[in-house]
Amino acid sequence: MPRPQLYPVKKVIGFDDAMLKAVDEWRRTRTPIPTVSDAIRQILAKHLKQKGYMPKRNAAE
């Protein structure tokens, strides 16, 4: 039985150099350093949770 995909939906999106630089700078503040894809998911999830578009999993988030 194959392993289920963690992120089965793929999207192709564009970034300018300044945005990618900002993501890379954010990544370097984390331990361990996330991949670019994981960093973008984390940044987006945090923003969406703060704005009320995604439910928070627990009070610590």
Protein backbone atom coordinates (compact mmCIF):
# COMPACT_ATOMS: atom_id res chain seq x y z
CA MET A 1 0.00 0.00 0.00
CA PRO A 2 1.55 3.36 -0.98
CA ARG A 3 2.14 6.04 1.62
CA PRO A 4 -0.48 8.84 1.51
CA GLN A 5 0.81 12.21 0.31
CA LEU A 6 1.10 14.83 3.02
CA TYR A 7 0.34 17.64 0.54
CA PRO A 8 -1.58 16.09 -2.39
CA VAL A 9 -2.60 19.37 -4.05
CA LYS A 10 0.15 21.15 -5.98
CA LYS A 11 0.01 24.77 -7.21
CA VAL A 12 2.50 26.66 -9.34
CA ILE A 13 2.88 30.27 -8.20
CA GLY A 14 5.31 33.04 -9.02
CA PHE A 15 7.45 35.14 -6.69
CA ASP A 16 9.63 38.17 -7.25
CA ASP A 17 13.19 38.30 -5.92
CA ALA A 18 12.28 40.50 -2.95
CA MET A 19 9.60 38.10 -1.74
CA LEU A 20 11.90 35.08 -2.05
CA LYS A 21 14.62 36.97 -0.19
CA ALA A 22 12.13 37.73 2.61
CA VAL A 23 11.12 34.05 2.80
CA ASP A 24 14.79 33.00 2.96
CA GLU A 25 15.47 35.51 5.73
CA TRP A 26 12.44 34.22 7.67
CA ARG A 27 13.59 30.61 7.18
CA ARG A 28 16.99 31.35 8.73
CA THR A 29 15.30 32.45 11.97
CA ARG A 30 13.83 28.96 12.48
CA THR A 31 15.44 25.85 13.93
CA PRO A 32 15.63 23.55 12.12
CA ILE A 33 15.58 25.63 8.92
CA PRO A 34 12.46 24.62 6.95
CA THR A 35 12.48 24.02 3.21
CA VAL A 36 11.26 26.91 1.08
CA SER A 37 7.96 25.06 0.52
CA ASP A 38 7.46 24.43 4.23
CA ALA A 39 8.37 28.02 5.06
CA ILE A 40 5.79 29.36 2.62
CA ARG A 41 3.14 26.97 4.04
CA GLN A 42 3.97 28.06 7.62
CA ILE A 43 3.89 31.78 6.79
CA LEU A 44 0.62 31.43 4.90
CA ALA A 45 -1.02 29.26 7.60
CA LYS A 46 -0.01 31.72 10.33
CA HIS A 47 -1.48 34.65 8.42
CA LEU A 48 -4.71 32.81 7.58
CA LYS A 49 -5.15 31.75 11.22
CA GLN A 50 -4.57 35.31 12.45
CA LYS A 51 -7.20 36.60 10.03
CA GLY A 52 -9.69 33.90 11.04
CA TYR A 53 -9.73 31.99 7.75
CA MET A 54 -8.25 28.81 9.25
CA PRO A 55 -9.14 27.28 12.59
CA LYS A 56 -6.39 27.23 15.20
CA ARG A 57 -5.50 23.71 16.31
CA ASN A 58 -4.90 24.63 19.93
CA ALA A 59 -4.43 27.65 22.18
CA ALA A 60 -0.62 27.43 21.92
CA GLU A 61 -0.61 28.35 18.22
